[in-house]
Protein backbone atom coordinates (compact mmCIF):
# COMPACT_ATOMS: atom_id res chain seq x y z
CA UNK A 1 126.69 174.73 236.28
CA UNK A 2 123.60 174.81 234.72
CA UNK A 3 123.32 177.48 231.80
CA UNK A 4 120.98 177.94 229.32
CA UNK A 5 123.29 176.68 226.69
CA UNK A 6 123.63 173.47 228.88
CA UNK A 7 120.10 173.17 229.57
CA UNK A 8 119.13 173.40 225.67
CA UNK A 9 121.88 170.76 224.90
CA UNK A 10 119.80 168.58 227.83
CA UNK A 11 116.62 169.05 226.14
CA UNK A 12 117.85 168.65 222.63
CA UNK A 13 119.90 165.15 223.52
CA UNK A 14 117.21 163.88 225.63
CA UNK A 15 115.05 164.28 222.25
CA UNK A 16 117.56 162.51 220.34
CA UNK A 17 117.52 159.57 222.61
CA UNK A 18 113.81 159.34 222.44
CA UNK A 19 113.90 159.48 218.54
CA UNK A 20 116.88 156.89 218.48
CA UNK A 21 115.04 154.60 220.80
CA UNK A 22 111.27 155.08 219.72
CA UNK A 23 111.40 155.54 216.14
CA UNK A 24 114.57 153.51 215.04
CA UNK A 25 113.44 150.17 217.02
CA UNK A 26 113.68 146.31 215.54
CA UNK A 27 111.07 144.30 217.24
CA UNK A 28 112.12 141.04 219.06
CA UNK A 29 110.06 138.94 221.25
CA UNK A 30 110.87 140.37 224.59
CA UNK A 31 111.04 144.12 223.56
CA UNK A 32 113.13 145.95 220.84
CA UNK A 33 116.52 146.34 219.78
CA UNK A 34 117.05 150.32 218.88
CA UNK A 35 120.34 152.58 218.24
CA UNK A 36 119.21 154.70 221.68
CA UNK A 37 122.59 153.42 223.12
CA UNK A 38 124.66 155.45 220.67
CA UNK A 39 122.67 158.80 221.55
CA UNK A 40 123.14 157.69 225.43
CA UNK A 41 127.10 157.60 225.06
CA UNK A 42 126.96 160.65 222.81
CA UNK A 43 124.99 162.37 225.98
CA UNK A 44 127.89 161.65 228.24
CA UNK A 45 130.40 162.91 225.68
CA UNK A 46 128.99 165.99 225.19
CA UNK A 47 127.29 167.15 228.81
CA UNK A 48 129.71 165.26 230.63
CA UNK A 49 128.71 162.76 233.43
CA UNK A 50 126.04 164.43 235.58
CA UNK A 51 123.93 166.09 233.13
CA UNK A 52 124.72 163.77 230.30
CA UNK A 53 123.33 161.10 232.68
CA UNK A 54 120.45 162.66 233.10
CA UNK A 55 119.32 163.84 229.83
CA UNK A 56 120.02 159.98 229.07
CA UNK A 57 117.47 159.17 231.34
CA UNK A 58 114.82 161.57 230.79
CA UNK A 59 114.99 160.26 226.81
CA UNK A 60 115.70 156.61 227.41
CA UNK A 61 112.51 156.52 230.21
CA UNK A 62 110.42 158.62 227.94
CA UNK A 63 110.85 155.94 225.11
CA UNK A 64 110.18 153.08 227.45
CA UNK A 65 106.48 154.84 228.55
CA UNK A 66 105.50 155.63 224.96
CA UNK A 67 106.76 152.47 223.86
CA UNK A 68 104.62 150.69 226.38
CA UNK A 69 107.11 149.21 228.55
CA UNK A 70 106.34 151.36 231.43
CA UNK A 71 107.48 148.32 233.83
CA UNK A 72 111.16 148.89 232.32
CA UNK A 73 111.09 152.93 233.20
CA UNK A 74 113.16 152.63 236.15
CA UNK A 75 115.56 150.11 235.24
CA UNK A 76 116.33 151.88 231.81
CA UNK A 77 116.72 155.28 233.52
CA UNK A 78 119.34 153.63 236.38
CA UNK A 79 120.82 151.46 233.42
CA UNK A 80 121.34 154.53 230.66
CA UNK A 81 122.60 157.30 233.04
CA UNK A 82 124.89 155.11 234.07
CA UNK A 83 126.01 154.49 230.65
CA UNK A 84 126.22 158.18 229.98
CA UNK A 85 127.95 159.06 233.39
CA UNK A 86 130.61 156.15 232.49
CA UNK A 87 131.07 157.99 229.10
CA UNK A 88 131.35 161.48 230.40
CA UNK A 89 133.96 160.35 233.30
CA UNK A 90 136.04 158.58 230.91
CA UNK A 91 136.61 161.60 228.82
CA UNK A 92 138.06 163.39 231.92
CA UNK A 93 140.27 160.23 232.96
CA UNK A 94 141.32 157.73 230.11
CA UNK A 95 144.67 158.81 228.77
CA UNK A 96 144.59 156.07 226.24
CA UNK A 97 142.40 154.80 223.37
CA UNK A 98 142.52 150.97 225.31
CA UNK A 99 141.21 152.62 228.80
CA UNK A 100 138.96 154.33 226.98
CA UNK A 101 137.26 151.30 225.09
CA UNK A 102 137.68 149.02 228.64
CA UNK A 103 135.61 151.85 230.09
CA UNK A 104 133.06 151.49 227.69
CA UNK A 105 132.51 148.29 227.90
CA UNK A 106 132.50 148.42 231.58
CA UNK A 107 129.77 150.40 230.94
CA UNK A 108 127.68 147.94 228.52
CA UNK A 109 128.28 145.22 231.42
CA UNK A 110 126.46 147.52 234.19
CA UNK A 111 123.56 148.12 231.78
CA UNK A 112 122.88 144.21 231.04
CA UNK A 113 123.29 143.74 234.77
CA UNK A 114 121.13 146.36 235.94
CA UNK A 115 118.52 144.85 233.17
CA UNK A 116 119.35 141.26 234.27
CA UNK A 117 118.50 142.40 238.47
CA UNK A 118 115.68 144.10 237.26
CA UNK A 119 113.86 141.26 235.56
CA UNK A 120 115.24 138.58 238.21
CA UNK A 121 112.71 140.74 240.40
CA UNK A 122 110.13 141.23 237.67
CA UNK A 123 109.83 137.48 236.53
CA UNK A 124 110.87 135.78 239.80
CA UNK A 125 113.55 133.66 238.53
CA UNK A 126 117.20 133.89 238.07
CA UNK A 127 117.70 131.75 235.03
CA UNK A 128 114.58 133.52 232.64
CA UNK A 129 116.35 137.02 232.46
CA UNK A 130 119.40 135.36 230.98
CA UNK A 131 117.56 135.22 227.51
CA UNK A 132 117.65 139.27 227.07
CA UNK A 133 121.52 139.42 228.08
CA UNK A 134 122.80 138.68 224.49
CA UNK A 135 120.27 141.07 223.26
CA UNK A 136 120.91 144.14 225.66
CA UNK A 137 124.56 143.56 224.89
CA UNK A 138 124.12 143.04 221.05
CA UNK A 139 122.00 146.43 221.33
CA UNK A 140 124.75 148.20 223.50
CA UNK A 141 127.73 147.12 221.28
CA UNK A 142 126.01 148.17 218.00
CA UNK A 143 125.49 151.85 220.07
CA UNK A 144 128.69 151.83 220.86
CA UNK A 145 130.13 151.34 217.23
CA UNK A 146 127.68 153.88 216.16
CA UNK A 147 128.93 156.49 219.00
CA UNK A 148 132.58 156.11 217.82
CA UNK A 149 131.85 156.89 214.41
CA UNK A 150 130.11 159.57 215.50
CA UNK A 151 132.37 161.15 218.20
CA UNK A 152 134.85 162.91 215.89
CA UNK A 153 132.17 164.91 214.15
CA UNK A 154 130.21 165.87 217.76
CA UNK A 155 133.61 166.85 219.39
CA UNK A 156 132.99 170.56 218.57
CA UNK A 157 129.61 170.22 220.83
CA UNK A 158 131.24 169.14 223.79
CA UNK A 159 130.62 171.38 226.77
CA UNK A 160 133.25 171.97 229.21
CA UNK A 161 132.54 171.68 232.88
């Protein structure tokens, strides 16, 4: 159910995703590596799968637009909303830590796959996008580590469905 509190959290977390993606970035030859994935994971953790996915998609898509990578907006929105959705869902379903970490790794693999498939269509090559997979995975793993450090302090802000 959409409440004022949920709307405010969605706007705030979209801004956090945007800032942690747009401001905190390390340029690489094919784009940039950022800390936005930690914020994407927080979106799913705090808001749940649906609203967290929406907030992550808006924040990450906006960062791509304002960074000059407009061609990546749609793949980014799909990838990041999926990561947040999976994160929000495992909080409800995973009973132990190993399952939680396994599910988070599935979210990272899915994100890498979304970008790979999008770049196959963009570049018209099956092998050329492979160079970006390690960078995407590294970025997401760093985001996961930062998220795991922030998860406990931010648990007080979680919204119940």
